N, C-alpha and C. Protein backbone atom coordinates (compact mmCIF):
# COMPACT_ATOMS: atom_id res chain seq x y z
N MET A 1 -6.19 -7.79 3.16
CA MET A 1 -6.23 -6.80 2.13
C MET A 1 -6.43 -5.39 2.69
N MET A 2 -6.84 -5.31 3.94
CA MET A 2 -7.04 -3.99 4.55
C MET A 2 -5.73 -3.20 4.57
N VAL A 3 -4.63 -3.87 4.89
CA VAL A 3 -3.33 -3.19 4.91
C VAL A 3 -2.98 -2.70 3.52
N ASN A 4 -3.18 -3.54 2.50
CA ASN A 4 -2.91 -3.13 1.12
C ASN A 4 -3.73 -1.90 0.75
N THR A 5 -5.00 -1.91 1.10
CA THR A 5 -5.88 -0.79 0.78
C THR A 5 -5.41 0.48 1.46
N ARG A 6 -5.03 0.37 2.74
CA ARG A 6 -4.56 1.55 3.48
C ARG A 6 -3.27 2.10 2.89
N LEU A 7 -2.36 1.22 2.47
CA LEU A 7 -1.09 1.67 1.90
C LEU A 7 -1.30 2.35 0.55
N VAL A 8 -2.14 1.78 -0.29
CA VAL A 8 -2.44 2.40 -1.58
C VAL A 8 -3.11 3.75 -1.35
N ASP A 9 -4.03 3.80 -0.41
CA ASP A 9 -4.72 5.05 -0.06
C ASP A 9 -3.72 6.12 0.37
N LYS A 10 -2.75 5.73 1.18
CA LYS A 10 -1.74 6.67 1.68
C LYS A 10 -0.90 7.23 0.54
N VAL A 11 -0.49 6.38 -0.37
CA VAL A 11 0.31 6.83 -1.51
C VAL A 11 -0.49 7.81 -2.37
N LEU A 12 -1.75 7.49 -2.62
CA LEU A 12 -2.57 8.35 -3.47
C LEU A 12 -2.89 9.69 -2.80
N ASP A 13 -2.78 9.78 -1.48
CA ASP A 13 -2.98 11.04 -0.77
C ASP A 13 -1.78 11.97 -0.89
N ASP A 14 -0.61 11.42 -1.18
CA ASP A 14 0.64 12.20 -1.23
C ASP A 14 0.64 13.09 -2.48
N GLN A 15 0.84 14.39 -2.31
CA GLN A 15 0.80 15.34 -3.41
C GLN A 15 1.85 15.03 -4.48
N THR A 16 3.04 14.57 -4.06
CA THR A 16 4.09 14.22 -5.02
C THR A 16 3.61 13.13 -5.97
N TRP A 17 2.98 12.10 -5.41
CA TRP A 17 2.47 11.01 -6.24
C TRP A 17 1.30 11.46 -7.10
N GLN A 18 0.46 12.35 -6.57
CA GLN A 18 -0.67 12.84 -7.35
C GLN A 18 -0.20 13.55 -8.62
N ASN A 19 0.96 14.19 -8.55
CA ASN A 19 1.52 14.86 -9.72
C ASN A 19 2.15 13.89 -10.71
N LEU A 20 2.53 12.70 -10.26
CA LEU A 20 3.21 11.73 -11.11
C LEU A 20 2.27 10.71 -11.75
N ILE A 21 1.18 10.40 -11.08
CA ILE A 21 0.28 9.35 -11.54
C ILE A 21 -0.71 9.91 -12.56
N THR A 22 -0.79 9.26 -13.71
CA THR A 22 -1.71 9.69 -14.77
C THR A 22 -3.07 9.01 -14.58
N GLU A 23 -4.06 9.43 -15.36
CA GLU A 23 -5.39 8.81 -15.28
C GLU A 23 -5.36 7.31 -15.60
N PRO A 24 -4.63 6.88 -16.65
CA PRO A 24 -4.55 5.43 -16.89
C PRO A 24 -3.89 4.68 -15.71
N ASP A 25 -2.89 5.32 -15.06
CA ASP A 25 -2.27 4.71 -13.88
C ASP A 25 -3.31 4.51 -12.78
N LYS A 26 -4.12 5.53 -12.55
CA LYS A 26 -5.13 5.46 -11.49
C LYS A 26 -6.15 4.36 -11.77
N ARG A 27 -6.50 4.17 -13.02
CA ARG A 27 -7.45 3.09 -13.35
C ARG A 27 -6.86 1.71 -13.09
N GLY A 28 -5.53 1.61 -13.16
CA GLY A 28 -4.88 0.33 -12.95
C GLY A 28 -4.52 0.03 -11.50
N VAL A 29 -4.70 1.00 -10.62
CA VAL A 29 -4.33 0.80 -9.21
C VAL A 29 -5.35 -0.11 -8.54
N THR A 30 -4.84 -1.09 -7.85
CA THR A 30 -5.70 -2.00 -7.10
C THR A 30 -5.00 -2.39 -5.81
N PRO A 31 -5.72 -2.49 -4.71
CA PRO A 31 -5.12 -2.94 -3.46
C PRO A 31 -4.93 -4.45 -3.42
N LEU A 32 -5.37 -5.14 -4.46
CA LEU A 32 -5.32 -6.59 -4.46
C LEU A 32 -4.05 -7.12 -5.12
N PHE A 33 -2.89 -6.66 -4.63
CA PHE A 33 -1.64 -7.21 -5.13
C PHE A 33 -1.21 -8.35 -4.22
N TRP A 34 -0.40 -9.24 -4.76
CA TRP A 34 -0.10 -10.48 -4.05
C TRP A 34 1.36 -10.63 -3.64
N SER A 35 2.18 -9.59 -3.81
CA SER A 35 3.60 -9.72 -3.50
C SER A 35 3.87 -9.97 -2.02
N ASN A 36 2.93 -9.64 -1.15
CA ASN A 36 3.13 -9.83 0.28
C ASN A 36 2.30 -10.98 0.84
N VAL A 37 1.71 -11.78 -0.02
CA VAL A 37 0.86 -12.88 0.42
C VAL A 37 1.57 -14.20 0.15
N ALA A 38 1.71 -15.01 1.19
CA ALA A 38 2.31 -16.33 1.05
C ALA A 38 1.18 -17.35 0.95
N LEU A 39 0.99 -17.89 -0.23
CA LEU A 39 -0.10 -18.84 -0.42
C LEU A 39 0.17 -20.18 0.26
N HIS A 40 1.44 -20.53 0.42
CA HIS A 40 1.79 -21.83 1.03
C HIS A 40 2.69 -21.57 2.22
N GLY A 41 2.12 -21.18 3.32
CA GLY A 41 2.92 -20.94 4.51
C GLY A 41 2.21 -20.02 5.47
N THR A 42 2.95 -19.64 6.49
CA THR A 42 2.38 -18.78 7.52
C THR A 42 3.29 -17.58 7.73
N PHE A 43 2.79 -16.62 8.39
CA PHE A 43 3.61 -15.46 8.74
C PHE A 43 3.35 -15.14 10.21
N GLY A 44 4.38 -14.58 10.84
CA GLY A 44 4.26 -14.20 12.25
C GLY A 44 3.56 -12.86 12.37
N LEU A 45 2.61 -12.78 13.26
CA LEU A 45 1.88 -11.55 13.49
C LEU A 45 2.15 -11.09 14.91
N ASP A 46 2.80 -9.96 15.05
CA ASP A 46 3.11 -9.42 16.37
C ASP A 46 2.05 -8.39 16.73
N LEU A 47 1.12 -8.78 17.59
CA LEU A 47 0.02 -7.89 17.96
C LEU A 47 0.45 -6.77 18.90
N ASP A 48 1.71 -6.81 19.33
CA ASP A 48 2.22 -5.74 20.19
C ASP A 48 2.82 -4.60 19.39
N LYS A 49 2.92 -4.75 18.06
CA LYS A 49 3.45 -3.70 17.20
C LYS A 49 2.36 -3.17 16.30
N ARG A 50 2.46 -1.90 15.95
CA ARG A 50 1.48 -1.28 15.06
C ARG A 50 2.16 -0.81 13.78
N ILE A 51 1.45 -0.82 12.69
CA ILE A 51 1.95 -0.29 11.44
C ILE A 51 1.69 1.21 11.45
N ASP A 52 2.73 1.98 11.19
CA ASP A 52 2.59 3.44 11.18
C ASP A 52 2.17 3.88 9.78
N TYR A 53 0.86 3.98 9.57
CA TYR A 53 0.33 4.36 8.27
C TYR A 53 0.67 5.81 7.93
N ASP A 54 0.94 6.62 8.93
CA ASP A 54 1.20 8.04 8.72
C ASP A 54 2.68 8.37 8.61
N ALA A 55 3.53 7.35 8.45
CA ALA A 55 4.97 7.59 8.35
C ALA A 55 5.35 8.30 7.05
N GLY A 56 4.49 8.21 6.04
CA GLY A 56 4.76 8.86 4.77
C GLY A 56 5.25 7.89 3.74
N THR A 57 5.36 8.38 2.53
CA THR A 57 5.81 7.55 1.42
C THR A 57 6.99 8.24 0.74
N VAL A 58 7.79 7.46 0.05
CA VAL A 58 8.92 8.00 -0.69
C VAL A 58 8.75 7.65 -2.16
N PRO A 59 8.50 8.63 -3.02
CA PRO A 59 8.35 8.30 -4.44
C PRO A 59 9.63 7.73 -5.03
N MET A 60 9.46 6.85 -6.02
CA MET A 60 10.61 6.22 -6.66
C MET A 60 11.15 7.14 -7.73
């Protein structure tokens, strides 16, 4: 969940998103989403690669 939290944090730091997200939206934001979690299986973890948290976000 640390990655989810960092990604949500990064989006909320972006000024473009701050102008788009309303107060009710902010209350509904949670890092505990499950779209990237495989409950029945495994995933490969490459410890030689890093996630670039500072790459930026692209608003939809």
